[in-house]
Protein backbone atom coordinates (compact mmCIF):
# COMPACT_ATOMS: atom_id res chain seq x y z
CA MET A 1 147.43 75.98 268.05
CA GLU A 2 147.08 77.21 264.83
CA ARG A 3 146.84 81.18 265.06
CA LYS A 4 143.59 82.26 263.86
CA THR A 5 143.34 85.52 261.91
CA PHE A 6 140.90 87.89 263.09
CA TYR A 7 138.04 88.36 265.69
CA ILE A 8 135.30 90.36 265.13
CA GLU A 9 134.03 92.37 267.64
CA ASN A 10 131.09 91.86 268.92
CA THR A 11 129.04 95.15 269.16
CA LEU A 12 129.11 97.40 266.09
CA ALA A 13 131.22 95.29 264.10
CA ARG A 14 129.47 91.78 264.26
CA LYS A 15 128.18 92.18 260.98
CA CYS A 16 131.12 92.72 259.21
CA PRO A 17 130.49 91.99 255.58
CA GLN A 18 132.57 89.35 253.68
CA GLN A 19 134.61 92.19 251.03
CA ILE A 20 136.04 93.32 254.77
CA ILE A 21 136.77 89.46 256.25
CA ASP A 22 138.41 88.89 252.42
CA ALA A 23 140.32 92.25 252.27
CA VAL A 24 142.08 91.44 256.38
CA LYS A 25 142.75 88.00 255.10
CA ASP A 26 145.00 89.27 252.32
CA PHE A 27 146.19 91.87 254.58
CA ASP A 28 147.69 89.50 256.53
CA GLU A 29 149.10 87.57 253.59
CA GLU A 30 150.79 90.51 252.34
CA ILE A 31 152.29 92.53 255.25
CA ALA A 32 154.76 90.96 257.80
CA THR A 33 152.99 92.65 260.76
CA LEU A 34 154.38 92.07 264.63
CA GLU A 35 150.83 90.60 265.60
CA LYS A 36 151.50 87.86 262.18
CA LYS A 37 155.34 86.97 263.39
CA GLU A 38 153.97 86.33 267.31
CA GLY A 39 150.95 84.36 266.38
CA LEU A 40 148.21 86.97 267.50
CA SER A 41 145.03 87.70 265.91
CA PHE A 42 143.91 90.67 264.54
CA ILE A 43 140.62 92.14 265.90
CA ILE A 44 137.77 93.92 263.66
CA PHE A 45 136.73 97.11 264.62
CA LYS A 46 133.90 99.29 263.31
CA ASP A 47 133.98 103.43 263.69
CA GLY A 48 130.49 104.10 264.93
CA LYS A 49 131.02 107.48 263.29
CA SER A 50 132.02 107.01 259.78
CA ASN A 51 131.06 102.98 259.83
CA ALA A 52 134.48 102.41 258.34
CA PHE A 53 136.31 98.79 259.64
CA TYR A 54 139.55 99.02 260.49
CA ILE A 55 142.28 97.02 262.52
CA GLU A 56 144.88 97.97 265.04
CA CYS A 57 148.79 96.33 264.33
CA HIS A 58 152.41 96.95 264.39
CA ILE A 59 154.55 96.82 261.54
CA ASN A 60 158.79 97.31 261.40
CA ALA A 61 159.57 100.46 260.27
CA ASP A 62 162.03 98.59 257.08
CA VAL A 63 158.75 96.54 256.19
CA ALA A 64 156.10 99.02 256.25
CA LEU A 65 157.95 102.30 254.91
CA PRO A 66 158.58 100.85 251.07
CA LEU A 67 155.07 99.81 251.35
CA ILE A 68 153.61 103.36 252.05
CA ASP A 69 151.71 105.70 249.82
CA PHE A 70 152.73 109.24 251.11
CA GLU A 71 150.26 111.07 248.63
CA PRO A 72 147.64 108.71 248.15
CA ALA A 73 144.09 109.92 246.40
CA LEU A 74 141.03 111.30 248.22
CA ASP A 75 139.03 110.55 245.14
CA ILE A 76 140.27 107.48 243.20
CA GLU A 77 137.71 107.13 240.54
CA GLU A 78 137.32 110.74 239.05
CA GLN A 79 140.41 112.75 240.62
CA PRO A 80 143.26 109.83 241.08
CA ASP A 81 146.11 112.88 241.01
CA TYR A 82 145.17 114.86 243.99
CA LYS A 83 146.45 113.73 247.54
CA ALA A 84 144.64 113.84 250.39
CA ASN A 85 147.54 114.74 252.31
CA ARG A 86 148.90 118.45 253.47
CA ASP A 87 152.20 119.48 252.19
CA LEU A 88 154.65 118.69 254.97
CA GLN A 89 155.55 121.96 257.21
CA PRO A 90 159.39 121.05 257.57
CA LEU A 91 160.24 124.47 260.06
CA HIS A 92 157.50 123.31 262.19
CA LYS A 93 159.08 122.85 265.57
CA ALA A 94 156.87 119.81 266.76
CA TYR A 95 157.97 118.15 263.23
CA ILE A 96 161.69 119.01 264.42
CA GLN A 97 161.08 117.31 267.56
CA MET A 98 159.61 114.41 265.71
CA GLN A 99 162.65 113.84 263.77
CA ASN A 100 164.96 113.83 267.03
CA ASP A 101 162.71 111.25 268.96
CA ALA A 102 162.56 108.79 265.70
CA LYS A 103 166.47 108.92 265.37
CA THR A 104 166.64 108.00 269.24
CA GLY A 105 164.52 105.51 269.01
CA ARG A 106 160.81 106.17 269.74
CA GLN A 107 158.18 104.70 268.46
CA PHE A 108 155.05 106.17 267.04
CA SER A 109 151.61 104.97 266.98
CA ASP A 110 148.48 105.60 265.45
CA LEU A 111 148.95 105.79 261.82
CA ILE A 112 146.52 106.13 259.89
CA ILE A 113 146.48 104.03 256.80
CA GLU A 114 144.17 102.67 254.20
CA TYR A 115 145.20 98.84 252.42
CA ASN A 116 144.18 99.51 249.18
CA ASN A 117 146.10 97.43 246.23
CA GLU A 118 143.46 99.15 243.56
CA TYR A 119 146.36 101.28 242.11
CA LYS A 120 149.97 101.79 243.02
CA LYS A 121 149.92 98.33 243.94
CA ASP A 122 153.73 98.18 244.93
CA LYS A 123 152.40 101.17 248.03
CA PRO A 124 149.16 99.08 249.54
CA LEU A 125 149.63 101.36 252.87
CA LYS A 126 147.93 104.24 251.60
CA LEU A 127 148.85 106.80 254.45
CA LEU A 128 146.20 108.90 255.38
CA GLY A 129 147.37 110.76 258.59
CA GLY A 130 150.31 111.21 260.39
CA GLN A 131 152.50 111.91 257.25
CA HIS A 132 155.07 113.76 259.90
CA ARG A 133 155.26 110.80 261.93
CA ALA A 134 155.90 108.37 258.86
CA LYS A 135 158.35 111.01 257.30
CA SER A 136 160.34 111.02 260.70
CA ILE A 137 160.48 107.18 260.88
CA GLU A 138 161.75 107.12 257.22
CA LEU A 139 164.32 109.25 258.29
CA ALA A 140 165.62 107.71 261.45
CA LEU A 141 165.68 104.57 259.01
CA LYS A 142 167.68 106.08 256.53
CA ASP A 143 169.94 108.58 258.82
CA LYS A 144 170.31 105.52 261.60
CA ASN A 145 169.07 102.68 260.79
CA ILE A 146 166.53 102.57 263.43
CA ILE A 147 164.14 99.61 262.88
CA ARG A 148 161.53 99.84 265.41
CA PRO A 149 157.67 98.47 265.44
CA HIS A 150 155.25 101.20 264.97
CA GLY A 151 151.45 101.46 265.86
CA PHE A 152 149.33 101.34 262.37
CA LYS A 153 145.56 101.75 262.30
CA ILE A 154 144.65 100.15 259.01
CA TYR A 155 141.46 100.55 257.56
CA PHE A 156 139.82 98.42 254.66
CA ALA A 157 137.55 99.13 251.56
CA LEU A 158 136.64 102.82 252.20
CA THR A 159 134.11 105.17 250.55
CA MET A 160 135.27 107.97 249.06
CA GLU A 161 133.66 110.25 251.94
CA GLN A 162 134.66 107.71 254.76
CA ARG A 163 138.27 108.60 253.30
CA ALA A 164 137.84 112.45 253.28
CA GLU A 165 136.33 112.31 257.12
CA ILE A 166 139.03 110.14 258.23
CA ALA A 167 141.81 112.12 256.68
CA GLN A 168 140.38 115.32 258.62
CA ILE A 169 140.49 113.97 262.12
CA SER A 170 143.55 112.03 261.70
CA ASN A 171 146.51 113.94 262.54
CA THR A 172 146.67 115.34 265.93
CA ASN A 173 150.28 115.71 266.16
CA ILE A 174 150.76 119.29 264.39
CA GLN A 175 146.91 120.92 264.21
CA ILE A 176 145.25 120.54 260.60
CA SER A 177 144.60 123.36 258.72
CA LEU A 178 141.40 124.83 258.07
CA ASP A 179 142.32 125.31 254.79
CA LEU A 180 142.98 122.01 254.46
CA ILE A 181 139.95 120.84 255.72
CA ASP A 182 138.47 122.71 253.06
CA ARG A 183 140.03 121.52 250.61
CA LEU A 184 139.43 117.94 251.24
CA ALA A 185 135.45 118.98 251.56
CA GLU A 186 135.91 120.51 248.14
CA THR A 187 137.41 117.33 246.81
CA LYS A 188 134.41 115.49 247.81
CA LEU A 189 132.10 117.27 245.81
CA GLY A 190 133.93 116.94 243.14
CA PRO A 191 136.44 118.58 240.72
CA ARG A 192 134.64 121.67 239.08
CA LEU A 193 136.33 124.37 241.29
CA ARG A 194 139.52 123.29 240.97
CA ASP A 195 139.40 122.60 236.91
CA PHE A 196 137.72 126.58 236.77
CA TYR A 197 140.84 127.92 238.31
CA GLN A 198 143.17 125.96 236.49
CA LYS A 199 141.18 126.89 233.24
CA VAL A 200 141.39 130.79 234.01
CA GLY A 201 145.23 130.54 235.29
CA LEU A 202 144.57 131.22 239.06
CA LEU A 203 146.09 127.54 239.40
CA LYS A 204 148.87 125.69 237.32
CA PRO A 205 147.78 122.43 235.40
CA ASN A 206 147.00 119.75 237.97
CA GLN A 207 147.88 121.76 240.84
CA ASP A 208 145.78 121.78 243.93
CA PHE A 209 144.18 124.61 246.35
CA ALA A 210 146.65 125.58 248.98
CA ASP A 211 146.30 123.53 252.25
CA ARG A 212 147.02 127.10 253.98
CA ARG A 213 147.77 130.65 253.57
CA ASN A 214 151.45 130.69 251.82
CA PRO A 215 154.03 133.22 250.46
CA ASN A 216 153.71 131.75 246.73
CA GLY A 217 150.51 133.10 246.04
CA ILE A 218 148.34 129.91 245.59
CA ILE A 219 144.65 130.52 246.55
CA THR A 220 142.93 128.34 249.26
CA THR A 221 139.95 126.61 248.66
CA ARG A 222 138.02 129.53 250.61
CA LEU A 223 139.21 132.33 248.32
CA ALA A 224 138.03 130.43 245.50
CA ARG A 225 134.92 129.87 246.63
CA THR A 226 134.44 133.41 247.70
CA PHE A 227 135.08 134.72 244.34
CA LEU A 228 132.50 132.63 242.77
CA VAL A 229 130.04 133.63 245.14
CA ASN A 230 130.86 137.37 245.04
CA PHE A 231 130.55 137.67 241.59
CA LEU A 232 127.03 135.61 241.16
CA ASN A 233 126.18 138.01 243.78
CA GLY A 234 127.06 141.00 241.80
CA THR A 235 125.34 139.46 238.68
CA ASN A 236 122.36 139.12 240.59
CA TYR A 237 121.97 142.63 241.99
CA ARG A 238 119.03 144.05 240.58
CA ASN A 239 119.13 147.89 241.80
CA GLY A 240 121.88 149.13 239.82
CA ASN A 241 120.74 152.46 239.45
CA ASP A 242 122.35 153.44 243.02
CA LEU A 243 125.92 151.25 242.46
CA ASN A 244 127.98 154.31 243.47
CA ASP A 245 125.81 155.39 246.51
CA LYS A 246 125.20 151.72 247.97
CA VAL A 247 127.70 150.52 251.16
CA PHE A 248 128.22 146.97 249.59
CA ASP A 249 129.17 144.36 251.93
CA PRO A 250 131.08 141.44 249.98
CA TYR A 251 130.85 138.00 251.34
CA LEU A 252 133.59 136.16 252.73
CA CYS A 253 132.81 131.99 252.67
CA LYS A 254 133.31 130.24 256.03
CA THR A 255 135.91 127.73 256.33
CA GLY A 256 136.29 124.26 258.12
CA GLY A 257 134.20 122.51 255.71
CA ILE A 258 131.41 123.35 253.30
CA ASP A 259 129.96 126.89 253.00
CA SER A 260 125.87 127.14 252.83
CA VAL A 261 125.95 129.89 250.49
CA TYR A 262 128.34 128.53 247.87
CA GLU A 263 127.03 124.94 248.34
CA LYS A 264 123.29 126.45 247.67
CA ILE A 265 125.21 128.53 244.39
CA ILE A 266 126.93 125.45 242.97
CA LYS A 267 124.03 123.71 242.77
CA ASN A 268 123.35 125.45 239.38
CA LYS A 269 125.82 123.11 237.18
CA LYS A 270 125.66 125.84 234.34
CA ILE A 271 127.25 128.48 236.24
CA TRP A 272 130.84 126.67 235.25
CA ASP A 273 129.93 127.48 231.39
CA SER A 274 129.28 131.19 231.96
CA ASP A 275 131.46 133.27 229.52
CA LYS A 276 130.89 135.95 231.91
CA LEU A 277 132.32 134.37 234.94
CA ILE A 278 135.48 132.93 232.91
CA GLU A 279 136.43 136.06 231.36
CA ALA A 280 136.36 137.78 235.38
CA GLY A 281 138.40 134.50 236.22
CA LYS A 282 140.69 135.62 233.52
CA ASN A 283 141.21 138.96 234.36
CA PHE A 284 141.79 138.35 238.02
CA SER A 285 143.90 135.78 237.30
CA GLU A 286 146.12 138.37 235.26
CA LEU A 287 145.54 140.94 237.99
CA HIS A 288 147.32 138.61 240.63
CA LYS A 289 150.18 137.60 238.41
CA LYS A 290 150.81 141.31 237.17
CA GLN A 291 151.07 142.18 241.02
CA ILE A 292 153.22 139.32 242.04
CA GLN A 293 155.46 140.64 238.91
CA ALA A 294 155.33 144.10 239.85
CA ILE A 295 156.33 143.39 243.46
CA GLU A 296 159.32 141.21 242.59
CA LYS A 297 160.82 143.61 240.66
CA ASP A 298 160.72 146.12 243.29
CA PRO A 299 164.14 145.90 245.71
CA VAL A 300 161.93 147.22 248.70
CA LEU A 301 158.92 146.26 248.19
CA LYS A 302 159.45 142.62 247.63
CA LYS A 303 160.34 141.68 251.22
CA TYR A 304 156.46 142.06 251.78
CA ASN A 305 154.36 139.08 251.15
CA GLU A 306 151.48 141.18 251.94
CA PHE A 307 151.92 143.45 249.33
CA ARG A 308 153.24 140.59 246.72
CA ASN A 309 149.78 138.67 247.03
CA LYS A 310 147.69 141.85 247.57
CA ALA A 311 145.10 140.49 245.23
CA ILE A 312 144.14 137.41 247.36
CA SER A 313 143.73 139.13 250.21
CA ALA A 314 140.43 138.54 251.54
CA ALA A 315 139.29 141.94 251.16
CA VAL A 316 140.41 142.55 247.39
CA ILE A 317 139.23 139.16 245.95
CA SER A 318 135.92 139.47 247.62
CA SER A 319 135.14 143.06 246.47
CA TRP A 320 136.96 142.88 243.02
CA ALA A 321 134.80 139.59 242.04
CA LEU A 322 131.48 141.66 243.52
CA VAL A 323 131.96 144.65 241.30
CA ALA A 324 132.95 142.57 238.17
CA GLY A 325 129.89 140.81 238.83
CA LEU A 326 128.15 144.40 239.29
CA LEU A 327 129.43 145.78 236.32
CA GLN A 328 128.33 143.19 233.89
CA LYS A 329 125.25 145.53 232.96
CA TYR A 330 127.67 148.33 232.32
CA PRO A 331 130.19 147.37 229.51
CA ASN A 332 131.96 150.74 229.50
CA ARG A 333 132.72 150.65 233.14
CA LEU A 334 133.43 146.71 233.74
CA LYS A 335 135.83 147.44 230.19
CA LYS A 336 137.71 150.04 232.21
CA PHE A 337 137.58 148.02 235.40
CA TYR A 338 139.62 145.37 233.71
CA SER A 339 141.90 147.44 232.03
CA LEU A 340 143.47 148.09 235.64
CA VAL A 341 146.50 145.23 234.73
CA LYS A 342 147.36 147.04 231.03
CA GLU A 343 147.01 150.70 232.44
CA SER A 344 149.47 150.04 235.34
CA LYS A 345 152.64 151.65 235.40
CA LYS A 346 153.76 149.86 238.49
CA ASP A 347 151.74 147.14 240.95
CA PRO A 348 148.01 147.49 239.86
CA LEU A 349 146.86 147.52 243.47
CA ASN A 350 149.30 150.16 244.64
CA ALA A 351 149.55 148.17 247.86
CA LYS A 352 152.12 150.24 249.43
CA ALA A 353 149.55 153.59 248.57
CA MET A 354 146.69 150.91 250.32
CA SER A 355 148.64 150.13 253.25
CA GLU A 356 149.13 153.83 254.17
CA ALA A 357 145.37 154.57 253.54
CA ARG A 358 144.11 156.25 256.40
CA HIS A 359 140.51 158.08 256.91
CA VAL A 360 139.91 160.44 260.12
CA SER A 361 137.89 158.16 261.76
CA ASP A 362 139.80 154.91 261.71
CA PRO A 363 141.47 154.24 264.96
CA PRO A 364 145.95 154.65 265.50
CA THR A 365 145.68 150.57 264.99
CA TYR A 366 144.14 150.83 261.52
CA ARG A 367 146.73 149.19 259.09
CA GLY A 368 145.42 150.46 256.23
CA LEU A 369 142.88 149.29 253.08
CA ALA A 370 142.50 145.89 252.67
CA THR A 371 144.35 144.68 255.31
CA ARG A 372 141.49 143.20 257.34
CA SER A 373 138.53 141.05 256.07
CA ASP A 374 135.87 143.38 258.61
CA LYS A 375 133.03 144.43 256.51
CA LYS A 376 134.44 148.57 256.48
CA ASP A 377 137.58 147.07 254.77
CA LYS A 378 135.66 144.99 252.32
CA GLY A 379 133.38 147.93 251.56
CA ARG A 380 135.94 150.33 251.18
CA THR A 381 137.75 148.10 248.99
CA ALA A 382 134.55 147.53 246.86
CA GLN A 383 133.82 151.29 246.64
CA LEU A 384 137.67 151.59 245.45
CA PHE A 385 136.95 149.47 242.62
CA LEU A 386 133.41 151.04 241.87
CA PHE A 387 135.25 154.39 242.34
CA TYR A 388 137.77 153.66 239.78
CA SER A 389 135.46 151.53 236.94
CA ASP A 390 133.93 155.24 236.65
CA LEU A 391 136.93 157.19 235.98
CA GLN A 392 137.07 156.50 232.44
CA ASP A 393 140.14 157.84 231.03
CA LYS A 394 140.64 160.35 233.86
CA LYS A 395 143.24 157.76 235.55
CA LYS A 396 145.44 155.19 233.93
CA GLY A 397 145.54 153.50 237.43
CA ILE A 398 144.94 153.58 241.44
CA ASP A 399 146.71 156.30 242.94
CA GLU A 400 146.57 157.73 246.31
CA ASP A 401 143.87 160.60 245.14
CA VAL A 402 141.87 157.74 244.17
CA ILE A 403 142.04 155.89 247.24
CA ASP A 404 141.93 158.55 249.47
CA THR A 405 138.65 159.81 247.40
CA ALA A 406 137.04 156.40 247.49
CA ILE A 407 137.53 155.48 251.14
CA ALA A 408 135.89 159.07 251.84
CA LYS A 409 132.99 157.92 249.08
CA TYR A 410 132.43 154.90 251.38
CA GLU A 411 132.35 156.66 254.58
CA ALA A 412 130.00 159.18 253.15
CA ASN A 413 128.05 156.57 251.34
CA LYS A 414 127.57 154.63 255.16
CA ALA A 415 126.70 158.43 256.80
CA ASN A 416 124.36 158.74 254.38
CA GLU A 417 122.48 154.89 254.90
CA GLU A 418 122.59 155.61 258.73
CA PHE A 419 121.05 158.66 258.05
CA ARG A 420 117.97 157.10 256.12
CA LYS A 421 117.29 154.58 258.28
CA LYS A 422 117.02 157.25 261.52
CA GLU A 423 114.59 159.33 259.05
CA ARG A 424 112.64 156.42 258.27
CA LYS A 425 112.11 155.71 262.25
CA LEU A 426 110.63 159.15 262.51
CA LYS A 427 107.89 158.85 259.78
């Protein structure tokens, strides 16, 4: 009996577009699946959440691997150079176990593929999920010549939005990081945020945001958004007369998708051309680079990644950006603030001194300034930058006295704020 290429599932998929049917036929002609070899038909399914069409099949390792694109693009048309997948985690115990299992002949399933020959035509199997499993299969083939059929879910004619969603949910063996979800969501919005950070130097040309916190000092999407939001919040602050006496709470963007505050801000397309924002970004980039360079030169301090990457800690980046925005109306203070990098003889943030800073009200478990992302740490760090900007030529950098005084100032401001609240209740 002649083989029927496919059946259409009789629920959601019953109205299958001709484009999908043609793509499935093309896939069947090009790819030697186990189903085709055994005369079995595919079933076309439709995912109820994303409305994407797919089939499930099995392909031998030696057939599939040469055709797999391990770094497919999420946005093929506008951002083809930026991949959908995270970086591999070679030391993760689950990945090591996968490699060992593959070399003993284990078969894997649910490798997530988009069949797409619009680009990289020699590698039409675009891997959207299961890259650790796929790499384990590749190593088993290379080292042990293990050839087994593995289970694939093949999607067809995906939109960019469908591709992004599928990439987010596809990997279950090694938990997907929230930073990767942020990066995928940002790619859906377009390249503007990434272009901005490449322009100011916090990302290298063609470099993407980090998919997790990392020792290399590559900024994550969450922190990139946080910088932008706080700078604009600072520039929009109206009551500038009380800068030194105000308790500020820099904003930390939410993670795991799109932050609502950030989403609202970027509706204004003109922000990306702001000379003041670009200047702030370049100055912060210099701070981050100088901090890394200074710590790398210190044989004792370079052991501490938190000192090296102090500038992109949540408390520092949010506070620095807010203060940069607040000082736009005060050119002398802004100049002093931006001069920190050039005037510092060692690491500009004096990370060791910050880590040792304490207030009498702090609990024994307090780990020093800008080590956490809570309101107190962010507020104290903002006060430090504001205090430093008002010193003019009295101090060339941030030292222990500046840090201790700024923390004391923050606590005094907080006490005064609480006093005024209670006083108003009495009136």
